[in-house]
Protein backbone atom coordinates (compact mmCIF):
# COMPACT_ATOMS: atom_id res chain seq x y z
CA UNK A 1 2.10 -13.18 53.03
CA UNK A 2 0.19 -12.64 56.23
CA UNK A 3 -3.12 -10.79 56.35
CA UNK A 4 -2.70 -8.60 53.27
CA UNK A 5 -5.84 -6.91 52.19
CA UNK A 6 -4.89 -6.60 48.48
CA UNK A 7 -2.76 -8.42 46.11
CA UNK A 8 -1.65 -8.07 42.48
CA UNK A 9 -2.19 -11.38 40.53
CA UNK A 10 0.32 -11.59 37.71
CA UNK A 11 -0.55 -13.60 34.61
CA UNK A 12 2.41 -14.35 32.30
CA UNK A 13 2.18 -15.77 28.65
CA UNK A 14 -0.94 -16.82 26.87
CA UNK A 15 -2.94 -15.29 24.24
CA UNK A 16 -4.37 -12.56 26.37
CA UNK A 17 -1.20 -11.31 27.60
CA UNK A 18 0.16 -7.90 26.85
CA UNK A 19 3.33 -7.52 24.60
CA UNK A 20 5.77 -7.47 27.50
CA UNK A 21 4.52 -10.91 28.54
CA UNK A 22 2.86 -9.88 31.89
CA UNK A 23 -0.80 -8.91 32.59
CA UNK A 24 -1.86 -8.16 36.11
CA UNK A 25 -5.19 -7.37 38.12
CA UNK A 26 -5.63 -6.28 41.67
CA UNK A 27 -7.73 -8.25 44.02
CA UNK A 28 -8.95 -7.55 47.36
CA UNK A 29 -9.65 -9.85 50.21
CA UNK A 30 -13.44 -10.89 50.70
CA UNK A 31 -15.11 -12.55 53.79
CA UNK A 32 -15.14 -15.94 52.02
CA UNK A 33 -12.80 -18.87 52.39
CA UNK A 34 -11.77 -21.12 49.50
CA UNK A 35 -11.60 -25.02 49.46
CA UNK A 36 -8.17 -24.88 51.11
CA UNK A 37 -9.58 -22.79 53.89
CA UNK A 38 -7.59 -19.73 52.86
CA UNK A 39 -9.20 -16.35 52.07
CA UNK A 40 -10.71 -15.64 48.73
CA UNK A 41 -9.59 -12.29 46.96
CA UNK A 42 -11.49 -10.73 44.00
CA UNK A 43 -11.33 -8.03 41.68
CA UNK A 44 -13.70 -5.13 41.59
CA UNK A 45 -15.87 -6.90 39.08
CA UNK A 46 -16.08 -10.14 41.04
CA UNK A 47 -15.03 -11.95 37.87
CA UNK A 48 -11.48 -12.63 38.77
CA UNK A 49 -11.17 -14.72 42.03
CA UNK A 50 -8.29 -16.51 43.60
CA UNK A 51 -7.76 -18.23 46.95
CA UNK A 52 -4.35 -17.08 48.14
CA UNK A 53 -2.48 -18.91 51.16
CA UNK A 54 -0.41 -17.26 53.62
CA UNK A 55 2.50 -18.91 51.90
CA UNK A 56 1.71 -17.08 48.55
CA UNK A 57 0.11 -20.09 46.83
CA UNK A 58 -2.59 -19.08 44.52
CA UNK A 59 -5.60 -21.23 43.43
CA UNK A 60 -7.81 -19.42 40.79
CA UNK A 61 -11.44 -19.92 41.51
CA UNK A 62 -14.07 -20.08 38.59
CA UNK A 63 -16.68 -17.41 38.95
CA UNK A 64 -18.93 -18.49 36.08
CA UNK A 65 -19.51 -21.22 33.57
CA UNK A 66 -16.97 -22.15 30.79
CA UNK A 67 -14.14 -20.36 32.58
CA UNK A 68 -10.70 -22.10 32.49
CA UNK A 69 -8.84 -20.72 35.48
CA UNK A 70 -5.32 -19.67 34.70
CA UNK A 71 -2.31 -21.64 35.93
CA UNK A 72 1.09 -20.30 36.64
CA UNK A 73 -0.28 -17.20 38.31
CA UNK A 74 2.23 -15.21 40.69
CA UNK A 75 1.00 -13.05 43.49
CA UNK A 76 2.68 -9.66 44.69
CA UNK A 77 1.45 -7.77 47.81
CA UNK A 78 0.01 -4.33 47.00
CA UNK A 79 1.48 -1.67 49.13
CA UNK A 80 -1.25 0.48 50.73
CA UNK A 81 -0.42 4.26 51.07
């Protein structure tokens, strides 16, 4: 995964998913590190946050109370023009 500045988090299944079974959000690298020592990425609202390792492992980070971080999230690099 390297030093990508943006990723697309892909959420599959679950009640909030779209009819084709996939929902996605773009996250950008922040200057923070997660509990595993990897960079934290966040969407523009700051609500969706995830620690993404250089091997493409995703750990969702709760950004507020009563959140239940999703599991089974996949990550895809965003190609910058």
